[in-house]
PDB file of N, CA and C in Angstrom:
ATOM      1  N   UNK A   1      87.336  91.731  87.883  1.00  0.00           N
ATOM      2  CA  UNK A   1      86.909  93.119  88.005  1.00  0.00           C
ATOM      3  C   UNK A   1      87.917  93.937  88.814  1.00  0.00           C
ATOM      4  N   UNK A   2      88.380  93.379  89.937  1.00  0.00           N
ATOM      5  CA  UNK A   2      89.336  94.094  90.772  1.00  0.00           C
ATOM      6  C   UNK A   2      90.645  94.293  90.020  1.00  0.00           C
ATOM      7  N   UNK A   3      91.106  93.242  89.334  1.00  0.00           N
ATOM      8  CA  UNK A   3      92.360  93.351  88.580  1.00  0.00           C
ATOM      9  C   UNK A   3      92.248  94.419  87.507  1.00  0.00           C
ATOM     10  N   UNK A   4      91.095  94.514  86.845  1.00  0.00           N
ATOM     11  CA  UNK A   4      90.881  95.534  85.814  1.00  0.00           C
ATOM     12  C   UNK A   4      90.949  96.936  86.428  1.00  0.00           C
ATOM     13  N   UNK A   5      90.349  97.084  87.592  1.00  0.00           N
ATOM     14  CA  UNK A   5      90.369  98.372  88.298  1.00  0.00           C
ATOM     15  C   UNK A   5      91.805  98.768  88.644  1.00  0.00           C
ATOM     16  N   UNK A   6      92.596  97.814  89.143  1.00  0.00           N
ATOM     17  CA  UNK A   6      93.988  98.100  89.502  1.00  0.00           C
ATOM     18  C   UNK A   6      94.824  98.418  88.268  1.00  0.00           C
ATOM     19  N   UNK A   7      94.581  97.709  87.173  1.00  0.00           N
ATOM     20  CA  UNK A   7      95.305  97.976  85.928  1.00  0.00           C
ATOM     21  C   UNK A   7      94.989  99.373  85.415  1.00  0.00           C
ATOM     22  N   UNK A   8      93.727  99.749  85.443  1.00  0.00           N
ATOM     23  CA  UNK A   8      93.339 101.088  84.991  1.00  0.00           C
ATOM     24  C   UNK A   8      93.980 102.149  85.872  1.00  0.00           C
ATOM     25  N   UNK A   9      93.968 101.933  87.187  1.00  0.00           N
ATOM     26  CA  UNK A   9      94.589 102.885  88.104  1.00  0.00           C
ATOM     27  C   UNK A   9      96.070 103.038  87.835  1.00  0.00           C
ATOM     28  N   UNK A  10      96.749 101.940  87.607  1.00  0.00           N
ATOM     29  CA  UNK A  10      98.185 101.992  87.310  1.00  0.00           C
ATOM     30  C   UNK A  10      98.445 102.717  85.998  1.00  0.00           C
ATOM     31  N   UNK A  11      97.620 102.451  84.988  1.00  0.00           N
ATOM     32  CA  UNK A  11      97.791 103.111  83.690  1.00  0.00           C
ATOM     33  C   UNK A  11      97.555 104.614  83.805  1.00  0.00           C
ATOM     34  N   UNK A  12      96.564 105.016  84.588  1.00  0.00           N
ATOM     35  CA  UNK A  12      96.283 106.441  84.769  1.00  0.00           C
ATOM     36  C   UNK A  12      97.420 107.107  85.544  1.00  0.00           C
ATOM     37  N   UNK A  13      97.961 106.432  86.553  1.00  0.00           N
ATOM     38  CA  UNK A  13      99.097 106.996  87.288  1.00  0.00           C
ATOM     39  C   UNK A  13     100.311 107.155  86.382  1.00  0.00           C
ATOM     40  N   UNK A  14     100.531 106.179  85.508  1.00  0.00           N
ATOM     41  CA  UNK A  14     101.645 106.270  84.561  1.00  0.00           C
ATOM     42  C   UNK A  14     101.447 107.448  83.624  1.00  0.00           C
ATOM     43  N   UNK A  15     100.229 107.610  83.117  1.00  0.00           N
ATOM     44  CA  UNK A  15      99.934 108.742  82.225  1.00  0.00           C
ATOM     45  C   UNK A  15     100.123 110.067  82.951  1.00  0.00           C
ATOM     46  N   UNK A  16      99.689 110.135  84.212  1.00  0.00           N
ATOM     47  CA  UNK A  16      99.848 111.364  84.996  1.00  0.00           C
ATOM     48  C   UNK A  16     101.326 111.664  85.227  1.00  0.00           C
ATOM     49  N   UNK A  17     102.104 110.638  85.545  1.00  0.00           N
ATOM     50  CA  UNK A  17     103.535 110.831  85.773  1.00  0.00           C
ATOM     51  C   UNK A  17     104.216 111.340  84.497  1.00  0.00           C
ATOM     52  N   UNK A  18     103.864 110.758  83.363  1.00  0.00           N
ATOM     53  CA  UNK A  18     104.444 111.199  82.095  1.00  0.00           C
ATOM     54  C   UNK A  18     104.040 112.635  81.779  1.00  0.00           C
ATOM     55  N   UNK A  19     102.792 112.977  82.058  1.00  0.00           N
ATOM     56  CA  UNK A  19     102.296 114.336  81.836  1.00  0.00           C
ATOM     57  C   UNK A  19     103.101 115.344  82.668  1.00  0.00           C
ATOM     58  N   UNK A  20     103.342 115.006  83.915  1.00  0.00           N
ATOM     59  CA  UNK A  20     104.094 115.898  84.800  1.00  0.00           C
ATOM     60  C   UNK A  20     105.561 115.981  84.382  1.00  0.00           C
ATOM     61  N   UNK A  21     106.120 114.881  83.919  1.00  0.00           N
ATOM     62  CA  UNK A  21     107.504 114.898  83.441  1.00  0.00           C
ATOM     63  C   UNK A  21     107.629 115.800  82.210  1.00  0.00           C
ATOM     64  N   UNK A  22     106.654 115.759  81.332  1.00  0.00           N
ATOM     65  CA  UNK A  22     106.668 116.629  80.157  1.00  0.00           C
ATOM     66  C   UNK A  22     106.611 118.091  80.561  1.00  0.00           C
ATOM     67  N   UNK A  23     106.034 118.362  81.725  1.00  0.00           N
ATOM     68  CA  UNK A  23     105.958 119.734  82.235  1.00  0.00           C
ATOM     69  C   UNK A  23     107.218 120.111  83.020  1.00  0.00           C
ATOM     70  N   UNK A  24     108.170 119.192  83.121  1.00  0.00           N
ATOM     71  CA  UNK A  24     109.436 119.509  83.755  1.00  0.00           C
ATOM     72  C   UNK A  24     109.650 118.940  85.148  1.00  0.00           C
ATOM     73  N   UNK A  25     108.670 118.271  85.717  1.00  0.00           N
ATOM     74  CA  UNK A  25     108.845 117.670  87.030  1.00  0.00           C
ATOM     75  C   UNK A  25     109.631 116.364  86.893  1.00  0.00           C
ATOM     76  N   UNK A  26     110.351 116.022  87.947  1.00  0.00           N
ATOM     77  CA  UNK A  26     111.143 114.793  87.958  1.00  0.00           C
ATOM     78  C   UNK A  26     110.558 113.831  88.994  1.00  0.00           C
ATOM     79  N   UNK A  27     110.442 112.549  88.639  1.00  0.00           N
ATOM     80  CA  UNK A  27     109.886 111.587  89.603  1.00  0.00           C
ATOM     81  C   UNK A  27     110.847 111.301  90.747  1.00  0.00           C
ATOM     82  N   UNK A  28     110.294 111.172  91.940  1.00  0.00           N
ATOM     83  CA  UNK A  28     111.047 110.774  93.127  1.00  0.00           C
ATOM     84  C   UNK A  28     110.585 109.404  93.608  1.00  0.00           C
ATOM     85  N   UNK A  29     109.270 109.171  93.611  1.00  0.00           N
ATOM     86  CA  UNK A  29     108.728 107.905  94.111  1.00  0.00           C
ATOM     87  C   UNK A  29     107.303 107.731  93.589  1.00  0.00           C
ATOM     88  N   UNK A  30     106.850 106.482  93.665  1.00  0.00           N
ATOM     89  CA  UNK A  30     105.491 106.168  93.203  1.00  0.00           C
ATOM     90  C   UNK A  30     104.897 105.110  94.122  1.00  0.00           C
ATOM     91  N   UNK A  31     103.613 105.271  94.425  1.00  0.00           N
ATOM     92  CA  UNK A  31     102.871 104.328  95.269  1.00  0.00           C
ATOM     93  C   UNK A  31     103.585 104.040  96.589  1.00  0.00           C
ATOM     94  N   UNK A  32     103.869 105.099  97.314  1.00  0.00           N
ATOM     95  CA  UNK A  32     104.511 104.969  98.618  1.00  0.00           C
ATOM     96  C   UNK A  32     103.405 104.746  99.642  1.00  0.00           C
ATOM     97  N   UNK A  33     103.466 103.598 100.311  1.00  0.00           N
ATOM     98  CA  UNK A  33     102.401 103.226 101.240  1.00  0.00           C
ATOM     99  C   UNK A  33     102.875 103.318 102.688  1.00  0.00           C
ATOM    100  N   UNK A  34     102.009 103.915 103.487  1.00  0.00           N
ATOM    101  CA  UNK A  34     102.211 103.979 104.929  1.00  0.00           C
ATOM    102  C   UNK A  34     100.915 103.550 105.584  1.00  0.00           C
ATOM    103  N   UNK A  35     101.034 103.173 106.833  1.00  0.00           N
ATOM    104  CA  UNK A  35      99.818 102.858 107.571  1.00  0.00           C
ATOM    105  C   UNK A  35      98.981 104.134 107.644  1.00  0.00           C
ATOM    106  N   UNK A  36      97.803 104.088 107.105  1.00  0.00           N
ATOM    107  CA  UNK A  36      96.924 105.245 107.144  1.00  0.00           C
ATOM    108  C   UNK A  36      96.967 106.151 105.938  1.00  0.00           C
ATOM    109  N   UNK A  37      97.793 105.831 104.929  1.00  0.00           N
ATOM    110  CA  UNK A  37      97.811 106.685 103.752  1.00  0.00           C
ATOM    111  C   UNK A  37      98.771 106.208 102.688  1.00  0.00           C
ATOM    112  N   UNK A  38      98.554 106.682 101.488  1.00  0.00           N
ATOM    113  CA  UNK A  38      99.403 106.338 100.348  1.00  0.00           C
ATOM    114  C   UNK A  38      99.640 107.589  99.515  1.00  0.00           C
ATOM    115  N   UNK A  39     100.842 107.680  98.988  1.00  0.00           N
ATOM    116  CA  UNK A  39     101.196 108.762  98.068  1.00  0.00           C
ATOM    117  C   UNK A  39     101.280 108.160  96.677  1.00  0.00           C
ATOM    118  N   UNK A  40     100.429 108.624  95.761  1.00  0.00           N
ATOM    119  CA  UNK A  40     100.443 108.081  94.402  1.00  0.00           C
ATOM    120  C   UNK A  40     101.751 108.393  93.704  1.00  0.00           C
ATOM    121  N   UNK A  41     102.114 109.677  93.690  1.00  0.00           N
ATOM    122  CA  UNK A  41     103.356 110.119  93.060  1.00  0.00           C
ATOM    123  C   UNK A  41     104.032 111.136  93.957  1.00  0.00           C
ATOM    124  N   UNK A  42     105.342 111.053  94.003  1.00  0.00           N
ATOM    125  CA  UNK A  42     106.136 112.094  94.647  1.00  0.00           C
ATOM    126  C   UNK A  42     107.083 112.597  93.566  1.00  0.00           C
ATOM    127  N   UNK A  43     107.007 113.895  93.285  1.00  0.00           N
ATOM    128  CA  UNK A  43     107.772 114.485  92.198  1.00  0.00           C
ATOM    129  C   UNK A  43     108.632 115.625  92.745  1.00  0.00           C
ATOM    130  N   UNK A  44     109.587 116.043  91.941  1.00  0.00           N
ATOM    131  CA  UNK A  44     110.421 117.190  92.267  1.00  0.00           C
ATOM    132  C   UNK A  44     110.170 118.266  91.220  1.00  0.00           C
ATOM    133  N   UNK A  45     109.841 119.459  91.660  1.00  0.00           N
ATOM    134  CA  UNK A  45     109.609 120.580  90.758  1.00  0.00           C
ATOM    135  C   UNK A  45     110.595 121.686  91.135  1.00  0.00           C
ATOM    136  N   UNK A  46     111.791 121.608  90.563  1.00  0.00           N
ATOM    137  CA  UNK A  46     112.845 122.604  90.799  1.00  0.00           C
ATOM    138  C   UNK A  46     113.109 122.817  92.286  1.00  0.00           C
ATOM    139  N   UNK A  47     113.222 121.710  93.026  1.00  0.00           N
ATOM    140  CA  UNK A  47     113.524 121.787  94.445  1.00  0.00           C
ATOM    141  C   UNK A  47     112.323 121.736  95.361  1.00  0.00           C
ATOM    142  N   UNK A  48     111.136 121.809  94.820  1.00  0.00           N
ATOM    143  CA  UNK A  48     109.920 121.666  95.614  1.00  0.00           C
ATOM    144  C   UNK A  48     109.468 120.216  95.548  1.00  0.00           C
ATOM    145  N   UNK A  49     109.220 119.613  96.705  1.00  0.00           N
ATOM    146  CA  UNK A  49     108.699 118.250  96.750  1.00  0.00           C
ATOM    147  C   UNK A  49     107.196 118.329  96.511  1.00  0.00           C
ATOM    148  N   UNK A  50     106.733 117.619  95.490  1.00  0.00           N
ATOM    149  CA  UNK A  50     105.329 117.670  95.096  1.00  0.00           C
ATOM    150  C   UNK A  50     104.688 116.314  95.367  1.00  0.00           C
ATOM    151  N   UNK A  51     103.693 116.305  96.219  1.00  0.00           N
ATOM    152  CA  UNK A  51     102.927 115.105  96.515  1.00  0.00           C
ATOM    153  C   UNK A  51     101.684 115.142  95.632  1.00  0.00           C
ATOM    154  N   UNK A  52     101.555 114.144  94.770  1.00  0.00           N
ATOM    155  CA  UNK A  52     100.510 114.165  93.750  1.00  0.00           C
ATOM    156  C   UNK A  52      99.491 113.066  94.015  1.00  0.00           C
ATOM    157  N   UNK A  53      98.249 113.456  94.130  1.00  0.00           N
ATOM    158  CA  UNK A  53      97.140 112.513  94.227  1.00  0.00           C
ATOM    159  C   UNK A  53      96.519 112.397  92.841  1.00  0.00           C
ATOM    160  N   UNK A  54      96.434 111.177  92.335  1.00  0.00           N
ATOM    161  CA  UNK A  54      95.851 110.927  91.023  1.00  0.00           C
ATOM    162  C   UNK A  54      94.459 110.357  91.235  1.00  0.00           C
ATOM    163  N   UNK A  55      93.461 111.019  90.654  1.00  0.00           N
ATOM    164  CA  UNK A  55      92.065 110.596  90.834  1.00  0.00           C
ATOM    165  C   UNK A  55      91.436 110.348  89.469  1.00  0.00           C
ATOM    166  N   UNK A  56      90.898 109.151  89.291  1.00  0.00           N
ATOM    167  CA  UNK A  56      90.257 108.783  88.026  1.00  0.00           C
ATOM    168  C   UNK A  56      88.760 108.640  88.230  1.00  0.00           C
ATOM    169  N   UNK A  57      88.022 109.177  87.296  1.00  0.00           N
ATOM    170  CA  UNK A  57      86.569 109.019  87.266  1.00  0.00           C
ATOM    171  C   UNK A  57      86.181 108.695  85.829  1.00  0.00           C
ATOM    172  N   UNK A  58      85.456 107.608  85.642  1.00  0.00           N
ATOM    173  CA  UNK A  58      85.001 107.253  84.298  1.00  0.00           C
ATOM    174  C   UNK A  58      84.032 108.322  83.791  1.00  0.00           C
ATOM    175  N   UNK A  59      83.214 108.855  84.729  1.00  0.00           N
ATOM    176  CA  UNK A  59      82.256 109.911  84.379  1.00  0.00           C
ATOM    177  C   UNK A  59      82.291 110.967  85.469  1.00  0.00           C
ATOM    178  N   UNK A  60      81.814 112.153  85.128  1.00  0.00           N
ATOM    179  CA  UNK A  60      81.826 113.247  86.096  1.00  0.00           C
ATOM    180  C   UNK A  60      80.459 113.496  86.714  1.00  0.00           C
ATOM    181  N   UNK A  61      79.588 112.508  86.713  1.00  0.00           N
ATOM    182  CA  UNK A  61      78.245 112.683  87.255  1.00  0.00           C
ATOM    183  C   UNK A  61      78.255 113.161  88.711  1.00  0.00           C
ATOM    184  N   UNK A  62      79.241 112.710  89.477  1.00  0.00           N
ATOM    185  CA  UNK A  62      79.297 113.059  90.895  1.00  0.00           C
ATOM    186  C   UNK A  62      80.472 113.980  91.196  1.00  0.00           C
ATOM    187  N   UNK A  63      80.909 114.717  90.207  1.00  0.00           N
ATOM    188  CA  UNK A  63      82.038 115.625  90.383  1.00  0.00           C
ATOM    189  C   UNK A  63      83.314 114.986  89.869  1.00  0.00           C
ATOM    190  N   UNK A  64      84.275 115.810  89.579  1.00  0.00           N
ATOM    191  CA  UNK A  64      85.548 115.314  89.076  1.00  0.00           C
ATOM    192  C   UNK A  64      86.390 114.711  90.180  1.00  0.00           C
ATOM    193  N   UNK A  65      87.568 114.271  89.806  1.00  0.00           N
ATOM    194  CA  UNK A  65      88.464 113.637  90.752  1.00  0.00           C
ATOM    195  C   UNK A  65      88.872 114.548  91.892  1.00  0.00           C
ATOM    196  N   UNK A  66      89.076 115.820  91.590  1.00  0.00           N
ATOM    197  CA  UNK A  66      89.504 116.756  92.641  1.00  0.00           C
ATOM    198  C   UNK A  66      88.427 116.898  93.708  1.00  0.00           C
ATOM    199  N   UNK A  67      87.166 116.811  93.315  1.00  0.00           N
ATOM    200  CA  UNK A  67      86.071 116.925  94.275  1.00  0.00           C
ATOM    201  C   UNK A  67      86.080 115.780  95.279  1.00  0.00           C
ATOM    202  N   UNK A  68      86.700 114.659  94.912  1.00  0.00           N
ATOM    203  CA  UNK A  68      86.736 113.506  95.813  1.00  0.00           C
ATOM    204  C   UNK A  68      87.865 113.600  96.842  1.00  0.00           C
ATOM    205  N   UNK A  69      88.691 114.632  96.754  1.00  0.00           N
ATOM    206  CA  UNK A  69      89.743 114.836  97.755  1.00  0.00           C
ATOM    207  C   UNK A  69      89.146 115.710  98.861  1.00  0.00           C
ATOM    208  N   UNK A  70      88.438 115.024  99.756  1.00  0.00           N
ATOM    209  CA  UNK A  70      87.743 115.710 100.844  1.00  0.00           C
ATOM    210  C   UNK A  70      88.713 115.936 102.025  1.00  0.00           C
ATOM    211  N   UNK A  71      88.273 116.619 103.064  1.00  0.00           N
ATOM    212  CA  UNK A  71      89.168 116.884 104.199  1.00  0.00           C
ATOM    213  C   UNK A  71      89.770 115.618 104.811  1.00  0.00           C
ATOM    214  N   UNK A  72      89.017 114.548 104.868  1.00  0.00           N
ATOM    215  CA  UNK A  72      89.553 113.289 105.410  1.00  0.00           C
ATOM    216  C   UNK A  72      90.702 112.783 104.535  1.00  0.00           C
ATOM    217  N   UNK A  73      90.518 112.799 103.224  1.00  0.00           N
ATOM    218  CA  UNK A  73      91.569 112.362 102.303  1.00  0.00           C
ATOM    219  C   UNK A  73      92.774 113.299 102.413  1.00  0.00           C
ATOM    220  N   UNK A  74      92.535 114.593 102.520  1.00  0.00           N
ATOM    221  CA  UNK A  74      93.622 115.568 102.697  1.00  0.00           C
ATOM    222  C   UNK A  74      94.463 115.215 103.910  1.00  0.00           C
ATOM    223  N   UNK A  75      93.819 114.922 105.020  1.00  0.00           N
ATOM    224  CA  UNK A  75      94.551 114.597 106.252  1.00  0.00           C
ATOM    225  C   UNK A  75      95.400 113.341 106.065  1.00  0.00           C
ATOM    226  N   UNK A  76      94.861 112.353 105.367  1.00  0.00           N
ATOM    227  CA  UNK A  76      95.623 111.122 105.114  1.00  0.00           C
ATOM    228  C   UNK A  76      96.836 111.412 104.232  1.00  0.00           C
ATOM    229  N   UNK A  77      96.665 112.263 103.234  1.00  0.00           N
ATOM    230  CA  UNK A  77      97.779 112.621 102.359  1.00  0.00           C
ATOM    231  C   UNK A  77      98.844 113.412 103.115  1.00  0.00           C
ATOM    232  N   UNK A  78      98.407 114.336 103.943  1.00  0.00           N
ATOM    233  CA  UNK A  78      99.353 115.126 104.734  1.00  0.00           C
ATOM    234  C   UNK A  78     100.130 114.209 105.681  1.00  0.00           C
ATOM    235  N   UNK A  79      99.437 113.283 106.315  1.00  0.00           N
ATOM    236  CA  UNK A  79     100.104 112.348 107.222  1.00  0.00           C
ATOM    237  C   UNK A  79     101.151 111.513 106.472  1.00  0.00           C
ATOM    238  N   UNK A  80     100.778 110.990 105.315  1.00  0.00           N
ATOM    239  CA  UNK A  80     101.719 110.204 104.509  1.00  0.00           C
ATOM    240  C   UNK A  80     102.900 111.063 104.065  1.00  0.00           C
ATOM    241  N   UNK A  81     102.638 112.307 103.700  1.00  0.00           N
ATOM    242  CA  UNK A  81     103.718 113.214 103.284  1.00  0.00           C
ATOM    243  C   UNK A  81     104.678 113.473 104.442  1.00  0.00           C
ATOM    244  N   UNK A  82     104.147 113.649 105.641  1.00  0.00           N
ATOM    245  CA  UNK A  82     105.000 113.859 106.806  1.00  0.00           C
ATOM    246  C   UNK A  82     105.906 112.647 107.040  1.00  0.00           C
ATOM    247  N   UNK A  83     105.353 111.450 106.901  1.00  0.00           N
ATOM    248  CA  UNK A  83     106.150 110.237 107.074  1.00  0.00           C
ATOM    249  C   UNK A  83     107.219 110.124 105.985  1.00  0.00           C
ATOM    250  N   UNK A  84     106.847 110.489 104.760  1.00  0.00           N
ATOM    251  CA  UNK A  84     107.821 110.463 103.661  1.00  0.00           C
ATOM    252  C   UNK A  84     108.985 111.404 103.966  1.00  0.00           C
ATOM    253  N   UNK A  85     108.677 112.597 104.420  1.00  0.00           N
ATOM    254  CA  UNK A  85     109.720 113.573 104.719  1.00  0.00           C
ATOM    255  C   UNK A  85     110.609 113.114 105.877  1.00  0.00           C
ATOM    256  N   UNK A  86     110.023 112.427 106.843  1.00  0.00           N
ATOM    257  CA  UNK A  86     110.823 111.884 107.941  1.00  0.00           C
ATOM    258  C   UNK A  86     111.797 110.820 107.442  1.00  0.00           C
ATOM    259  N   UNK A  87     111.363 110.029 106.468  1.00  0.00           N
ATOM    260  CA  UNK A  87     112.210 108.962 105.916  1.00  0.00           C
ATOM    261  C   UNK A  87     113.259 109.487 104.945  1.00  0.00           C
ATOM    262  N   UNK A  88     113.086 110.702 104.453  1.00  0.00           N
ATOM    263  CA  UNK A  88     113.992 111.286 103.464  1.00  0.00           C
ATOM    264  C   UNK A  88     114.509 112.628 103.970  1.00  0.00           C
ATOM    265  N   UNK A  89     115.447 112.591 104.921  1.00  0.00           N
ATOM    266  CA  UNK A  89     115.917 113.832 105.540  1.00  0.00           C
ATOM    267  C   UNK A  89     116.558 114.812 104.560  1.00  0.00           C
ATOM    268  N   UNK A  90     117.032 114.332 103.422  1.00  0.00           N
ATOM    269  CA  UNK A  90     117.655 115.242 102.445  1.00  0.00           C
ATOM    270  C   UNK A  90     116.649 116.255 101.901  1.00  0.00           C
ATOM    271  N   UNK A  91     115.354 115.920 101.929  1.00  0.00           N
ATOM    272  CA  UNK A  91     114.340 116.848 101.412  1.00  0.00           C
ATOM    273  C   UNK A  91     113.368 117.303 102.504  1.00  0.00           C
ATOM    274  N   UNK A  92     113.680 116.942 103.757  1.00  0.00           N
ATOM    275  CA  UNK A  92     112.758 117.232 104.856  1.00  0.00           C
ATOM    276  C   UNK A  92     112.472 118.720 105.027  1.00  0.00           C
ATOM    277  N   UNK A  93     113.422 119.570 104.649  1.00  0.00           N
ATOM    278  CA  UNK A  93     113.228 121.014 104.819  1.00  0.00           C
ATOM    279  C   UNK A  93     112.931 121.724 103.503  1.00  0.00           C
ATOM    280  N   UNK A  94     112.731 120.960 102.447  1.00  0.00           N
ATOM    281  CA  UNK A  94     112.416 121.549 101.141  1.00  0.00           C
ATOM    282  C   UNK A  94     110.979 122.062 101.140  1.00  0.00           C
ATOM    283  N   UNK A  95     110.692 123.057 100.310  1.00  0.00           N
ATOM    284  CA  UNK A  95     109.292 123.466 100.162  1.00  0.00           C
ATOM    285  C   UNK A  95     108.483 122.298  99.601  1.00  0.00           C
ATOM    286  N   UNK A  96     107.231 122.221  99.993  1.00  0.00           N
ATOM    287  CA  UNK A  96     106.350 121.135  99.545  1.00  0.00           C
ATOM    288  C   UNK A  96     105.033 121.697  99.062  1.00  0.00           C
ATOM    289  N   UNK A  97     104.371 120.922  98.214  1.00  0.00           N
ATOM    290  CA  UNK A  97     103.005 121.277  97.822  1.00  0.00           C
ATOM    291  C   UNK A  97     102.246 120.001  97.476  1.00  0.00           C
ATOM    292  N   UNK A  98     100.931 120.135  97.436  1.00  0.00           N
ATOM    293  CA  UNK A  98     100.048 119.028  97.120  1.00  0.00           C
ATOM    294  C   UNK A  98      99.305 119.345  95.830  1.00  0.00           C
ATOM    295  N   UNK A  99      99.490 118.489  94.841  1.00  0.00           N
ATOM    296  CA  UNK A  99      98.817 118.636  93.552  1.00  0.00           C
ATOM    297  C   UNK A  99      97.837 117.484  93.368  1.00  0.00           C
ATOM    298  N   UNK A 100      96.866 117.682  92.507  1.00  0.00           N
ATOM    299  CA  UNK A 100      95.941 116.624  92.113  1.00  0.00           C
ATOM    300  C   UNK A 100      95.951 116.557  90.596  1.00  0.00           C
ATOM    301  N   UNK A 101      96.032 115.355  90.072  1.00  0.00           N
ATOM    302  CA  UNK A 101      95.816 115.137  88.640  1.00  0.00           C
ATOM    303  C   UNK A 101      94.529 114.347  88.533  1.00  0.00           C
ATOM    304  N   UNK A 102      93.527 114.967  87.928  1.00  0.00           N
ATOM    305  CA  UNK A 102      92.277 114.255  87.734  1.00  0.00           C
ATOM    306  C   UNK A 102      92.222 113.749  86.314  1.00  0.00           C
ATOM    307  N   UNK A 103      91.714 112.536  86.173  1.00  0.00           N
ATOM    308  CA  UNK A 103      91.589 111.898  84.875  1.00  0.00           C
ATOM    309  C   UNK A 103      90.141 111.484  84.712  1.00  0.00           C
ATOM    310  N   UNK A 104      89.603 111.771  83.529  1.00  0.00           N
ATOM    311  CA  UNK A 104      88.209 111.474  83.259  1.00  0.00           C
ATOM    312  C   UNK A 104      88.089 110.846  81.883  1.00  0.00           C
ATOM    313  N   UNK A 105      87.240 109.834  81.791  1.00  0.00           N
ATOM    314  CA  UNK A 105      86.925 109.237  80.496  1.00  0.00           C
ATOM    315  C   UNK A 105      87.848 108.098  80.119  1.00  0.00           C
ATOM    316  N   UNK A 106      87.594 107.582  78.924  1.00  0.00           N
ATOM    317  CA  UNK A 106      88.382 106.481  78.393  1.00  0.00           C
ATOM    318  C   UNK A 106      88.555 106.694  76.902  1.00  0.00           C
ATOM    319  N   UNK A 107      89.722 107.062  76.407  1.00  0.00           N
ATOM    320  CA  UNK A 107      90.960 107.203  77.155  1.00  0.00           C
ATOM    321  C   UNK A 107      90.894 108.426  78.070  1.00  0.00           C
ATOM    322  N   UNK A 108      91.626 108.379  79.170  1.00  0.00           N
ATOM    323  CA  UNK A 108      91.517 109.459  80.154  1.00  0.00           C
ATOM    324  C   UNK A 108      92.085 110.781  79.663  1.00  0.00           C
ATOM    325  N   UNK A 109      91.349 111.826  79.945  1.00  0.00           N
ATOM    326  CA  UNK A 109      91.814 113.198  79.737  1.00  0.00           C
ATOM    327  C   UNK A 109      92.326 113.691  81.082  1.00  0.00           C
ATOM    328  N   UNK A 110      93.541 114.237  81.097  1.00  0.00           N
ATOM    329  CA  UNK A 110      94.172 114.646  82.345  1.00  0.00           C
ATOM    330  C   UNK A 110      94.023 116.146  82.580  1.00  0.00           C
ATOM    331  N   UNK A 111      93.794 116.493  83.824  1.00  0.00           N
ATOM    332  CA  UNK A 111      93.730 117.890  84.243  1.00  0.00           C
ATOM    333  C   UNK A 111      94.568 118.017  85.512  1.00  0.00           C
ATOM    334  N   UNK A 112      95.634 118.812  85.433  1.00  0.00           N
ATOM    335  CA  UNK A 112      96.580 118.969  86.543  1.00  0.00           C
ATOM    336  C   UNK A 112      96.210 120.199  87.350  1.00  0.00           C
ATOM    337  N   UNK A 113      95.994 120.003  88.629  1.00  0.00           N
ATOM    338  CA  UNK A 113      95.678 121.099  89.550  1.00  0.00           C
ATOM    339  C   UNK A 113      96.887 121.308  90.459  1.00  0.00           C
ATOM    340  N   UNK A 114      97.697 122.307  90.113  1.00  0.00           N
ATOM    341  CA  UNK A 114      98.866 122.636  90.932  1.00  0.00           C
ATOM    342  C   UNK A 114      98.396 123.259  92.235  1.00  0.00           C
ATOM    343  N   UNK A 115      99.080 122.896  93.307  1.00  0.00           N
ATOM    344  CA  UNK A 115      98.769 123.473  94.621  1.00  0.00           C
ATOM    345  C   UNK A 115      97.269 123.338  94.913  1.00  0.00           C
ATOM    346  N   UNK A 116      96.770 122.115  94.758  1.00  0.00           N
ATOM    347  CA  UNK A 116      95.331 121.849  94.856  1.00  0.00           C
ATOM    348  C   UNK A 116      94.763 122.110  96.237  1.00  0.00           C
ATOM    349  N   UNK A 117      95.568 121.877  97.269  1.00  0.00           N
ATOM    350  CA  UNK A 117      95.125 122.182  98.624  1.00  0.00           C
ATOM    351  C   UNK A 117      96.339 122.472  99.482  1.00  0.00           C
ATOM    352  N   UNK A 118      96.073 123.099 100.607  1.00  0.00           N
ATOM    353  CA  UNK A 118      97.123 123.460 101.560  1.00  0.00           C
ATOM    354  C   UNK A 118      96.804 122.824 102.909  1.00  0.00           C
ATOM    355  N   UNK A 119      97.769 122.816 103.785  1.00  0.00           N
ATOM    356  CA  UNK A 119      97.589 122.190 105.085  1.00  0.00           C
ATOM    357  C   UNK A 119      96.382 122.738 105.835  1.00  0.00           C
ATOM    358  N   UNK A 120      96.155 124.035 105.748  1.00  0.00           N
ATOM    359  CA  UNK A 120      95.044 124.614 106.488  1.00  0.00           C
ATOM    360  C   UNK A 120      93.690 124.321 105.845  1.00  0.00           C
ATOM    361  N   UNK A 121      93.675 123.663 104.674  1.00  0.00           N
ATOM    362  CA  UNK A 121      92.419 123.239 104.056  1.00  0.00           C
ATOM    363  C   UNK A 121      91.931 121.909 104.642  1.00  0.00           C
ATOM    364  N   UNK A 122      92.809 121.217 105.351  1.00  0.00           N
ATOM    365  CA  UNK A 122      92.500 119.851 105.789  1.00  0.00           C
ATOM    366  C   UNK A 122      91.917 119.805 107.190  1.00  0.00           C
TER     367      UNK A 122
END
């Protein structure tokens, strides 16, 4: 069961990355893990560093994937993004944003939320 969950998550992240690439974004990193947080995708959008949270829900009974990015999750993503920027000084001063790609159903339907939240939302 756990392996199936991880496989589905990886497949949805791959689909989200491909979707964003088709929209013109370029991949920088994937599944970057830090103590206290993980970045699903890090993309480049014409010089803007985009931190992408990919959220999958088989059903929307309890809200879509974006609804699950609560203030606690936002803070963890911001913390991970800060660590990423510290490790990559070449982009440390670049503009940044946080996007969410929510996926629902099987096969998953993707919905990209650009600039899904800002630092002051967390």
